[in-house]
PDB file of all heavy atoms in Angstrom:
ATOM      1  N   LEU A   1     126.612  31.136 -15.151  1.00  0.00           N
ATOM      2  CA  LEU A   1     127.272  32.225 -14.444  1.00  0.00           C
ATOM      3  C   LEU A   1     126.242  33.104 -13.696  1.00  0.00           C
ATOM      4  O   LEU A   1     126.460  33.474 -12.533  1.00  0.00           O
ATOM      5  CB  LEU A   1     128.082  33.079 -15.428  1.00  0.00           C
ATOM      6  CG  LEU A   1     129.143  33.995 -14.837  1.00  0.00           C
ATOM      7  CD1 LEU A   1     130.182  33.185 -14.086  1.00  0.00           C
ATOM      8  CD2 LEU A   1     129.821  34.813 -15.929  1.00  0.00           C
ATOM      9  N   GLY A   2     125.144  33.401 -14.370  1.00  0.00           N
ATOM     10  CA  GLY A   2     124.086  34.177 -13.712  1.00  0.00           C
ATOM     11  C   GLY A   2     123.465  33.423 -12.550  1.00  0.00           C
ATOM     12  O   GLY A   2     123.105  34.008 -11.526  1.00  0.00           O
ATOM     13  N   GLN A   3     123.307  32.107 -12.701  1.00  0.00           N
ATOM     14  CA  GLN A   3     122.721  31.308 -11.616  1.00  0.00           C
ATOM     15  C   GLN A   3     123.641  31.273 -10.397  1.00  0.00           C
ATOM     16  O   GLN A   3     123.175  31.350  -9.256  1.00  0.00           O
ATOM     17  CB  GLN A   3     122.424  29.904 -12.127  1.00  0.00           C
ATOM     18  CG  GLN A   3     121.320  29.868 -13.168  1.00  0.00           C
ATOM     19  CD  GLN A   3     121.267  28.563 -13.940  1.00  0.00           C
ATOM     20  OE1 GLN A   3     122.270  27.861 -14.099  1.00  0.00           O
ATOM     21  NE2 GLN A   3     120.084  28.209 -14.415  1.00  0.00           N
ATOM     22  N   LEU A   4     124.955  31.183 -10.645  1.00  0.00           N
ATOM     23  CA  LEU A   4     125.896  31.214  -9.505  1.00  0.00           C
ATOM     24  C   LEU A   4     125.864  32.590  -8.840  1.00  0.00           C
ATOM     25  O   LEU A   4     125.900  32.700  -7.599  1.00  0.00           O
ATOM     26  CB  LEU A   4     127.298  30.921 -10.013  1.00  0.00           C
ATOM     27  CG  LEU A   4     127.618  29.467 -10.373  1.00  0.00           C
ATOM     28  CD1 LEU A   4     129.077  29.366 -10.828  1.00  0.00           C
ATOM     29  CD2 LEU A   4     127.379  28.524  -9.199  1.00  0.00           C
ATOM     30  N   ARG A   5     125.797  33.643  -9.648  1.00  0.00           N
ATOM     31  CA  ARG A   5     125.783  35.004  -9.078  1.00  0.00           C
ATOM     32  C   ARG A   5     124.552  35.190  -8.230  1.00  0.00           C
ATOM     33  O   ARG A   5     124.607  35.782  -7.121  1.00  0.00           O
ATOM     34  CB  ARG A   5     125.818  36.024 -10.199  1.00  0.00           C
ATOM     35  CG  ARG A   5     125.903  37.464  -9.707  1.00  0.00           C
ATOM     36  CD  ARG A   5     125.964  38.453 -10.857  1.00  0.00           C
ATOM     37  NE  ARG A   5     127.215  38.351 -11.611  1.00  0.00           N
ATOM     38  CZ  ARG A   5     127.304  37.814 -12.813  1.00  0.00           C
ATOM     39  NH1 ARG A   5     126.215  37.345 -13.424  1.00  0.00           N
ATOM     40  NH2 ARG A   5     128.447  37.741 -13.427  1.00  0.00           N
ATOM     41  N   THR A   6     123.397  34.674  -8.684  1.00  0.00           N
ATOM     42  CA  THR A   6     122.163  34.803  -7.906  1.00  0.00           C
ATOM     43  C   THR A   6     122.272  34.068  -6.591  1.00  0.00           C
ATOM     44  O   THR A   6     121.864  34.575  -5.524  1.00  0.00           O
ATOM     45  CB  THR A   6     120.975  34.251  -8.716  1.00  0.00           C
ATOM     46  OG1 THR A   6     120.829  35.029  -9.906  1.00  0.00           O
ATOM     47  CG2 THR A   6     119.695  34.299  -7.918  1.00  0.00           C
ATOM     48  N   ALA A   7     122.830  32.832  -6.608  1.00  0.00           N
ATOM     49  CA  ALA A   7     122.984  32.055  -5.393  1.00  0.00           C
ATOM     50  C   ALA A   7     123.913  32.750  -4.412  1.00  0.00           C
ATOM     51  O   ALA A   7     123.662  32.795  -3.182  1.00  0.00           O
ATOM     52  CB  ALA A   7     123.522  30.658  -5.745  1.00  0.00           C
ATOM     53  N   TYR A   8     125.013  33.291  -4.923  1.00  0.00           N
ATOM     54  CA  TYR A   8     125.981  33.987  -4.069  1.00  0.00           C
ATOM     55  C   TYR A   8     125.381  35.251  -3.428  1.00  0.00           C
ATOM     56  O   TYR A   8     125.546  35.495  -2.212  1.00  0.00           O
ATOM     57  CB  TYR A   8     127.206  34.328  -4.926  1.00  0.00           C
ATOM     58  CG  TYR A   8     128.172  35.312  -4.322  1.00  0.00           C
ATOM     59  CD1 TYR A   8     128.696  35.143  -3.027  1.00  0.00           C
ATOM     60  CD2 TYR A   8     128.586  36.445  -5.072  1.00  0.00           C
ATOM     61  CE1 TYR A   8     129.582  36.048  -2.490  1.00  0.00           C
ATOM     62  CE2 TYR A   8     129.466  37.342  -4.528  1.00  0.00           C
ATOM     63  CZ  TYR A   8     129.975  37.144  -3.237  1.00  0.00           C
ATOM     64  OH  TYR A   8     130.856  38.040  -2.720  1.00  0.00           O
ATOM     65  N   ARG A   9     124.640  36.017  -4.209  1.00  0.00           N
ATOM     66  CA  ARG A   9     124.049  37.240  -3.683  1.00  0.00           C
ATOM     67  C   ARG A   9     122.975  36.911  -2.606  1.00  0.00           C
ATOM     68  O   ARG A   9     122.887  37.589  -1.598  1.00  0.00           O
ATOM     69  CB  ARG A   9     123.400  38.046  -4.808  1.00  0.00           C
ATOM     70  CG  ARG A   9     124.441  38.755  -5.689  1.00  0.00           C
ATOM     71  CD  ARG A   9     123.771  39.470  -6.854  1.00  0.00           C
ATOM     72  NE  ARG A   9     124.746  40.232  -7.638  1.00  0.00           N
ATOM     73  CZ  ARG A   9     124.503  40.778  -8.798  1.00  0.00           C
ATOM     74  NH1 ARG A   9     123.271  40.736  -9.312  1.00  0.00           N
ATOM     75  NH2 ARG A   9     125.419  41.454  -9.458  1.00  0.00           N
ATOM     76  N   ALA A  10     122.205  35.846  -2.868  1.00  0.00           N
ATOM     77  CA  ALA A  10     121.175  35.475  -1.887  1.00  0.00           C
ATOM     78  C   ALA A  10     121.835  35.084  -0.550  1.00  0.00           C
ATOM     79  O   ALA A  10     121.320  35.433   0.531  1.00  0.00           O
ATOM     80  CB  ALA A  10     120.350  34.306  -2.429  1.00  0.00           C
ATOM     81  N   ALA A  11     122.941  34.358  -0.605  1.00  0.00           N
ATOM     82  CA  ALA A  11     123.646  33.973   0.621  1.00  0.00           C
ATOM     83  C   ALA A  11     124.295  35.206   1.269  1.00  0.00           C
ATOM     84  O   ALA A  11     124.299  35.340   2.512  1.00  0.00           O
ATOM     85  CB  ALA A  11     124.686  32.922   0.316  1.00  0.00           C
ATOM     86  N   SER A  12     124.834  36.097   0.476  1.00  0.00           N
ATOM     87  CA  SER A  12     125.470  37.291   1.023  1.00  0.00           C
ATOM     88  C   SER A  12     124.459  38.201   1.717  1.00  0.00           C
ATOM     89  O   SER A  12     124.747  38.808   2.754  1.00  0.00           O
ATOM     90  CB  SER A  12     126.169  38.083  -0.107  1.00  0.00           C
ATOM     91  OG  SER A  12     127.162  37.317  -0.695  1.00  0.00           O
ATOM     92  N   ASP A  13     123.250  38.271   1.169  1.00  0.00           N
ATOM     93  CA  ASP A  13     122.215  39.150   1.733  1.00  0.00           C
ATOM     94  C   ASP A  13     121.868  38.768   3.176  1.00  0.00           C
ATOM     95  O   ASP A  13     121.422  39.623   3.953  1.00  0.00           O
ATOM     96  CB  ASP A  13     120.963  39.122   0.852  1.00  0.00           C
ATOM     97  CG  ASP A  13     121.141  39.869  -0.454  1.00  0.00           C
ATOM     98  OD1 ASP A  13     122.141  40.633  -0.550  1.00  0.00           O
ATOM     99  OD2 ASP A  13     120.354  39.658  -1.371  1.00  0.00           O
ATOM    100  N   VAL A  14     122.011  37.491   3.519  1.00  0.00           N
ATOM    101  CA  VAL A  14     121.671  37.040   4.871  1.00  0.00           C
ATOM    102  C   VAL A  14     122.916  36.674   5.673  1.00  0.00           C
ATOM    103  O   VAL A  14     122.831  35.968   6.676  1.00  0.00           O
ATOM    104  CB  VAL A  14     120.664  35.864   4.829  1.00  0.00           C
ATOM    105  CG1 VAL A  14     119.340  36.299   4.249  1.00  0.00           C
ATOM    106  CG2 VAL A  14     121.223  34.676   4.061  1.00  0.00           C
ATOM    107  N   GLN A  15     124.080  37.117   5.201  1.00  0.00           N
ATOM    108  CA  GLN A  15     125.369  36.878   5.878  1.00  0.00           C
ATOM    109  C   GLN A  15     125.711  35.401   6.002  1.00  0.00           C
ATOM    110  O   GLN A  15     126.431  34.984   6.934  1.00  0.00           O
ATOM    111  CB  GLN A  15     125.404  37.529   7.264  1.00  0.00           C
ATOM    112  CG  GLN A  15     125.503  39.072   7.240  1.00  0.00           C
ATOM    113  CD  GLN A  15     124.178  39.734   6.945  1.00  0.00           C
ATOM    114  OE1 GLN A  15     123.182  39.422   7.579  1.00  0.00           O
ATOM    115  NE2 GLN A  15     124.159  40.617   5.980  1.00  0.00           N
ATOM    116  N   ALA A  16     125.170  34.546   5.096  1.00  0.00           N
ATOM    117  CA  ALA A  16     125.538  33.152   5.134  1.00  0.00           C
ATOM    118  C   ALA A  16     126.911  32.919   4.476  1.00  0.00           C
ATOM    119  O   ALA A  16     127.610  31.967   4.773  1.00  0.00           O
ATOM    120  CB  ALA A  16     124.475  32.325   4.398  1.00  0.00           C
ATOM    121  N   ALA A  17     127.291  33.803   3.561  1.00  0.00           N
ATOM    122  CA  ALA A  17     128.619  33.747   2.937  1.00  0.00           C
ATOM    123  C   ALA A  17     129.519  34.687   3.698  1.00  0.00           C
ATOM    124  O   ALA A  17     129.262  35.891   3.783  1.00  0.00           O
ATOM    125  CB  ALA A  17     128.540  34.160   1.478  1.00  0.00           C
ATOM    126  N   GLY A  18     130.589  34.128   4.280  1.00  0.00           N
ATOM    127  CA  GLY A  18     131.543  34.946   5.032  1.00  0.00           C
ATOM    128  C   GLY A  18     132.780  35.240   4.179  1.00  0.00           C
ATOM    129  O   GLY A  18     132.752  35.156   2.955  1.00  0.00           O
ATOM    130  N   THR A  19     133.866  35.542   4.868  1.00  0.00           N
ATOM    131  CA  THR A  19     135.084  35.978   4.200  1.00  0.00           C
ATOM    132  C   THR A  19     135.585  34.987   3.135  1.00  0.00           C
ATOM    133  O   THR A  19     135.923  35.352   2.031  1.00  0.00           O
ATOM    134  CB  THR A  19     136.192  36.221   5.219  1.00  0.00           C
ATOM    135  OG1 THR A  19     135.713  37.157   6.202  1.00  0.00           O
ATOM    136  CG2 THR A  19     137.445  36.785   4.568  1.00  0.00           C
ATOM    137  N   VAL A  20     135.596  33.694   3.509  1.00  0.00           N
ATOM    138  CA  VAL A  20     136.173  32.686   2.604  1.00  0.00           C
ATOM    139  C   VAL A  20     135.295  32.462   1.398  1.00  0.00           C
ATOM    140  O   VAL A  20     135.763  32.480   0.248  1.00  0.00           O
ATOM    141  CB  VAL A  20     136.429  31.363   3.347  1.00  0.00           C
ATOM    142  CG1 VAL A  20     136.939  30.310   2.377  1.00  0.00           C
ATOM    143  CG2 VAL A  20     137.426  31.582   4.469  1.00  0.00           C
ATOM    144  N   LEU A  21     134.007  32.246   1.612  1.00  0.00           N
ATOM    145  CA  LEU A  21     133.116  31.990   0.472  1.00  0.00           C
ATOM    146  C   LEU A  21     132.937  33.251  -0.377  1.00  0.00           C
ATOM    147  O   LEU A  21     132.687  33.150  -1.577  1.00  0.00           O
ATOM    148  CB  LEU A  21     131.784  31.432   0.945  1.00  0.00           C
ATOM    149  CG  LEU A  21     131.849  29.997   1.528  1.00  0.00           C
ATOM    150  CD1 LEU A  21     130.434  29.467   1.811  1.00  0.00           C
ATOM    151  CD2 LEU A  21     132.558  29.062   0.579  1.00  0.00           C
ATOM    152  N   HIS A  22     132.971  34.409   0.248  1.00  0.00           N
ATOM    153  CA  HIS A  22     132.987  35.651  -0.554  1.00  0.00           C
ATOM    154  C   HIS A  22     134.125  35.614  -1.551  1.00  0.00           C
ATOM    155  O   HIS A  22     133.937  35.837  -2.753  1.00  0.00           O
ATOM    156  CB  HIS A  22     133.129  36.871   0.332  1.00  0.00           C
ATOM    157  CG  HIS A  22     131.863  37.402   0.924  1.00  0.00           C
ATOM    158  ND1 HIS A  22     130.762  37.704   0.156  1.00  0.00           N
ATOM    159  CD2 HIS A  22     131.503  37.675   2.215  1.00  0.00           C
ATOM    160  CE1 HIS A  22     129.797  38.144   0.943  1.00  0.00           C
ATOM    161  NE2 HIS A  22     130.215  38.129   2.175  1.00  0.00           N
ATOM    162  N   ARG A  23     135.292  35.334  -1.031  1.00  0.00           N
ATOM    163  CA  ARG A  23     136.492  35.318  -1.901  1.00  0.00           C
ATOM    164  C   ARG A  23     136.372  34.225  -2.950  1.00  0.00           C
ATOM    165  O   ARG A  23     136.712  34.441  -4.133  1.00  0.00           O
ATOM    166  CB  ARG A  23     137.732  35.098  -1.045  1.00  0.00           C
ATOM    167  CG  ARG A  23     139.045  35.259  -1.793  1.00  0.00           C
ATOM    168  CD  ARG A  23     139.303  36.734  -2.042  1.00  0.00           C
ATOM    169  NE  ARG A  23     140.608  36.940  -2.638  1.00  0.00           N
ATOM    170  CZ  ARG A  23     141.397  37.992  -2.378  1.00  0.00           C
ATOM    171  NH1 ARG A  23     140.991  38.920  -1.531  1.00  0.00           N
ATOM    172  NH2 ARG A  23     142.569  38.139  -2.980  1.00  0.00           N
ATOM    173  N   LEU A  24     135.904  33.044  -2.555  1.00  0.00           N
ATOM    174  CA  LEU A  24     135.789  31.908  -3.504  1.00  0.00           C
ATOM    175  C   LEU A  24     134.836  32.243  -4.645  1.00  0.00           C
ATOM    176  O   LEU A  24     135.134  32.016  -5.831  1.00  0.00           O
ATOM    177  CB  LEU A  24     135.355  30.660  -2.763  1.00  0.00           C
ATOM    178  CG  LEU A  24     135.096  29.428  -3.667  1.00  0.00           C
ATOM    179  CD1 LEU A  24     136.359  29.054  -4.441  1.00  0.00           C
ATOM    180  CD2 LEU A  24     134.630  28.252  -2.807  1.00  0.00           C
ATOM    181  N   PHE A  25     133.636  32.727  -4.289  1.00  0.00           N
ATOM    182  CA  PHE A  25     132.646  32.993  -5.348  1.00  0.00           C
ATOM    183  C   PHE A  25     133.057  34.184  -6.202  1.00  0.00           C
ATOM    184  O   PHE A  25     132.786  34.174  -7.411  1.00  0.00           O
ATOM    185  CB  PHE A  25     131.268  33.212  -4.732  1.00  0.00           C
ATOM    186  CG  PHE A  25     130.501  31.939  -4.539  1.00  0.00           C
ATOM    187  CD1 PHE A  25     130.744  31.094  -3.445  1.00  0.00           C
ATOM    188  CD2 PHE A  25     129.577  31.504  -5.460  1.00  0.00           C
ATOM    189  CE1 PHE A  25     130.087  29.907  -3.259  1.00  0.00           C
ATOM    190  CE2 PHE A  25     128.880  30.318  -5.306  1.00  0.00           C
ATOM    191  CZ  PHE A  25     129.126  29.507  -4.213  1.00  0.00           C
ATOM    192  N   GLU A  26     133.706  35.160  -5.638  1.00  0.00           N
ATOM    193  CA  GLU A  26     134.197  36.272  -6.450  1.00  0.00           C
ATOM    194  C   GLU A  26     135.267  35.768  -7.435  1.00  0.00           C
ATOM    195  O   GLU A  26     135.312  36.180  -8.581  1.00  0.00           O
ATOM    196  CB  GLU A  26     134.770  37.366  -5.558  1.00  0.00           C
ATOM    197  CG  GLU A  26     133.691  38.173  -4.820  1.00  0.00           C
ATOM    198  CD  GLU A  26     134.245  39.069  -3.754  1.00  0.00           C
ATOM    199  OE1 GLU A  26     135.477  39.055  -3.565  1.00  0.00           O
ATOM    200  OE2 GLU A  26     133.465  39.784  -3.072  1.00  0.00           O
ATOM    201  N   THR A  27     136.120  34.848  -6.951  1.00  0.00           N
ATOM    202  CA  THR A  27     137.119  34.251  -7.844  1.00  0.00           C
ATOM    203  C   THR A  27     136.453  33.479  -8.959  1.00  0.00           C
ATOM    204  O   THR A  27     136.837  33.598 -10.150  1.00  0.00           O
ATOM    205  CB  THR A  27     138.037  33.316  -7.048  1.00  0.00           C
ATOM    206  OG1 THR A  27     138.725  34.059  -6.025  1.00  0.00           O
ATOM    207  CG2 THR A  27     139.067  32.640  -7.939  1.00  0.00           C
TER     208      THR A  27
END
């Protein structure tokens, strides 16, 4: 869970995760 959170935050920091992947990873 922590590894997924780290990957998601790293992508979010550079705007690689947009609306859909934001929602998917938060889910």
